[in-house]
Each structure stands twice: as structure tokens, then as C-alpha cells.
């Protein structure tokens, strides 16, 4: 080779070193931050929703306990009505349903019942069973009414 030939002094094409995985490109940082915010936001929303509906889970649990010890006794029907009033206070706080009684309470339950499940006579019998020595409504029917009302609030 000729020492005077400048082309002979050139080396082959050298590719640059590939970049490592760290630090990531700015786009990956933006994506990671957005994903983190989405996860945190979802967790906060889920926690708030869960806290907001705690009364419903508690009411359903108490209704299951009442079902297990169902008996045609005025005290039992009184507990059922008290449970419904506590749940109504959470579901409709602006209407103050805990202060209702008699026909006003019956009308409130009928108005807020899901369509097709509100039997006026059965609801009236459930309300008056608290004061009757021998209730005329079977406890299973009363718990079905309460369950339908509570499930409509979920």
C-alpha cells in the first residue's frame, strides 16, 4: 500500500454504541407518570366509592341476620322497619325518611320501590305488623320487600 494514499488510512464504518435502557426517553417518563396518576386516581375513587356505599353492605348484612332469625313477632317487624329507615336515611338524606311513620312511611317506600315490586297491601302489612299482636304478613315476604328495596339502592 502506498503510504501517500489517504484512502488507505480510512477504517471501516463503525456503528455507534447502542443506548442502554437507562435513562429512558422522555416519552417513557411521561407515560410512567400518567400511568401512576391513573392508578392512584383509580384507587382513590374505589376507596371513596367503597366508603360511600358502606351503609348498603351493612344493611344487607343486617338483613341477612334478620332473615336467619325471622319470626312473626312485632319486635322482629320493628327491627326490620328500623333497618329500612336507617338505610333510607343514607339513601335519601334530603327527604328525612327516619321521621316518617304510618301512611307517610308507606308512601315513601312505595314511591322509592323498584317498579313492579311494590305491593301496597304487603308494605302496609309490614308497617302495621309492628303494632299487631299477631302479624298477618309472613316474615319471608317482609324480607323479600326489604331486600328488593335495598338492592334497588346499590
Protein backbone atom coordinates (compact mmCIF):
# COMPACT_ATOMS: atom_id res chain seq x y z
CA UNK A 1 0.00 0.00 0.00
CA UNK A 2 1.03 3.40 -0.68
CA UNK A 3 1.65 5.50 2.39
CA UNK A 4 0.68 8.54 0.46
CA UNK A 5 -2.80 7.25 -0.35
CA UNK A 6 -5.25 8.93 2.06
CA UNK A 7 -7.96 6.34 1.34
CA UNK A 8 -5.80 3.60 2.78
CA UNK A 9 -5.82 5.34 6.13
CA UNK A 10 -9.66 5.09 6.44
CA UNK A 11 -11.13 2.45 8.71
CA UNK A 12 -14.36 0.53 8.13
CA UNK A 13 -17.63 2.13 9.16
CA UNK A 14 -18.04 1.93 12.93
CA UNK A 15 -21.60 1.88 14.30
CA UNK A 16 -22.17 3.89 17.46
CA UNK A 17 -22.75 2.10 20.73
CA UNK A 18 -26.41 1.34 21.32
CA UNK A 19 -28.02 3.29 24.12
CA UNK A 20 -28.74 1.42 27.32
CA UNK A 21 -32.15 1.03 28.84
CA UNK A 22 -31.42 3.69 31.43
CA UNK A 23 -32.29 6.55 31.46
CA UNK A 24 -35.48 6.11 29.48
CA UNK A 25 -36.52 8.54 26.82
CA UNK A 26 -38.76 11.46 27.90
CA UNK A 27 -41.80 9.82 26.34
CA UNK A 28 -41.46 6.84 28.67
CA UNK A 29 -41.23 9.18 31.67
CA UNK A 30 -44.45 10.90 30.61
CA UNK A 31 -46.16 7.54 30.11
CA UNK A 32 -44.96 6.30 33.53
CA UNK A 33 -46.23 9.45 35.26
CA UNK A 34 -49.62 9.21 33.51
CA UNK A 35 -49.91 5.53 34.42
CA UNK A 36 -49.01 6.27 38.05
CA UNK A 37 -51.61 9.06 38.22
CA UNK A 38 -54.22 6.76 36.68
CA UNK A 39 -53.53 4.02 39.24
CA UNK A 40 -53.56 6.45 42.18
CA UNK A 41 -56.74 8.12 40.90
CA UNK A 42 -58.45 4.75 40.45
CA UNK A 43 -57.51 3.66 43.96
CA UNK A 44 -58.77 6.90 45.47
CA UNK A 45 -62.02 6.64 43.51
CA UNK A 46 -62.50 2.99 44.57
CA UNK A 47 -61.80 3.81 48.22
CA UNK A 48 -64.23 6.76 48.19
CA UNK A 49 -66.90 4.70 46.45
CA UNK A 50 -66.44 1.85 48.92
CA UNK A 51 -66.72 4.21 51.90
CA UNK A 52 -69.76 5.87 50.35
CA UNK A 53 -71.59 2.53 49.95
CA UNK A 54 -70.58 1.02 53.31
CA UNK A 55 -74.08 1.65 54.68
CA UNK A 56 -75.53 -0.57 51.94
CA UNK A 57 -73.24 -3.50 52.74
CA UNK A 58 -74.00 -3.10 56.46
CA UNK A 59 -77.75 -3.00 55.80
CA UNK A 60 -77.62 -6.12 53.63
CA UNK A 61 -75.62 -7.96 56.31
CA UNK A 62 -78.13 -6.95 58.97
CA UNK A 63 -80.98 -8.05 56.72
CA UNK A 64 -79.34 -11.47 56.32
CA UNK A 65 -79.13 -11.74 60.12
CA UNK A 66 -82.81 -10.80 60.40
CA UNK A 67 -83.68 -13.44 57.79
CA UNK A 68 -81.90 -16.11 59.80
CA UNK A 69 -83.94 -15.39 62.90
CA UNK A 70 -87.19 -14.49 61.16
CA UNK A 71 -90.28 -14.87 63.32
CA UNK A 72 -93.81 -13.48 63.11
CA UNK A 73 -93.36 -11.23 66.12
CA UNK A 74 -93.96 -7.45 66.35
CA UNK A 75 -90.43 -6.83 67.66
CA UNK A 76 -88.94 -8.55 64.64
CA UNK A 77 -91.01 -6.38 62.27
CA UNK A 78 -89.97 -3.34 64.29
CA UNK A 79 -86.31 -4.21 63.75
CA UNK A 80 -86.95 -4.63 60.04
CA UNK A 81 -88.63 -1.23 59.78
CA UNK A 82 -85.81 0.36 61.80
CA UNK A 83 -83.27 -1.17 59.41
CA UNK A 84 -85.16 0.21 56.42
CA UNK A 85 -85.37 3.67 57.98
CA UNK A 86 -81.62 3.74 58.68
CA UNK A 87 -80.92 2.70 55.10
CA UNK A 88 -83.41 5.27 53.79
CA UNK A 89 -81.67 7.97 55.80
CA UNK A 90 -78.45 7.21 53.90
CA UNK A 91 -80.10 6.77 50.50
CA UNK A 92 -82.39 9.83 50.72
CA UNK A 93 -80.92 12.20 53.34
CA UNK A 94 -82.68 15.27 51.94
CA UNK A 95 -86.13 13.72 52.47
CA UNK A 96 -85.58 12.86 56.17
CA UNK A 97 -87.31 9.45 55.96
CA UNK A 98 -86.36 8.46 59.51
CA UNK A 99 -89.03 10.81 60.81
CA UNK A 100 -91.82 9.25 58.73
CA UNK A 101 -94.36 6.83 60.15
CA UNK A 102 -97.66 5.26 59.21
CA UNK A 103 -99.05 6.22 55.82
CA UNK A 104 -96.23 8.67 55.10
CA UNK A 105 -93.67 5.88 55.59
CA UNK A 106 -95.74 3.52 53.42
CA UNK A 107 -96.00 6.15 50.67
CA UNK A 108 -92.26 6.78 50.84
CA UNK A 109 -91.49 3.06 50.48
CA UNK A 110 -93.94 2.69 47.61
CA UNK A 111 -92.50 5.73 45.85
CA UNK A 112 -88.92 4.53 46.17
CA UNK A 113 -89.54 0.83 45.44
CA UNK A 114 -88.30 -0.54 42.13
CA UNK A 115 -91.03 -0.81 39.51
CA UNK A 116 -93.14 -3.93 39.79
CA UNK A 117 -92.09 -4.87 43.32
CA UNK A 118 -94.19 -2.51 45.42
CA UNK A 119 -97.31 -4.28 46.68
CA UNK A 120 -99.17 -1.66 48.70
CA UNK A 121 -101.02 -4.16 50.86
CA UNK A 122 -97.87 -6.10 51.72
CA UNK A 123 -95.96 -2.92 52.61
CA UNK A 124 -98.88 -1.71 54.73
CA UNK A 125 -98.99 -5.09 56.48
CA UNK A 126 -95.21 -4.94 57.10
CA UNK A 127 -95.53 -1.50 58.69
CA UNK A 128 -98.57 -2.30 60.85
CA UNK A 129 -97.09 -5.64 61.95
CA UNK A 130 -95.02 -3.68 64.47
CA UNK A 131 -98.18 -2.95 66.49
CA UNK A 132 -100.25 -6.08 65.88
CA UNK A 133 -100.09 -8.86 68.45
CA UNK A 134 -100.19 -11.43 65.64
CA UNK A 135 -98.76 -10.04 62.37
CA UNK A 136 -100.59 -11.06 59.19
CA UNK A 137 -97.59 -10.82 56.87
CA UNK A 138 -95.14 -13.74 56.78
CA UNK A 139 -91.59 -12.66 57.69
CA UNK A 140 -90.23 -14.13 54.44
CA UNK A 141 -92.42 -11.81 52.41
CA UNK A 142 -91.33 -8.84 54.52
CA UNK A 143 -87.65 -9.68 53.99
CA UNK A 144 -88.29 -10.02 50.25
CA UNK A 145 -89.76 -6.50 50.22
CA UNK A 146 -86.81 -5.14 52.22
CA UNK A 147 -84.29 -6.95 50.02
CA UNK A 148 -85.89 -5.57 46.83
CA UNK A 149 -85.83 -2.06 48.29
CA UNK A 150 -82.20 -2.33 49.42
CA UNK A 151 -80.97 -3.90 46.18
CA UNK A 152 -82.50 -1.03 44.23
CA UNK A 153 -80.22 1.34 46.17
CA UNK A 154 -76.96 -0.40 45.17
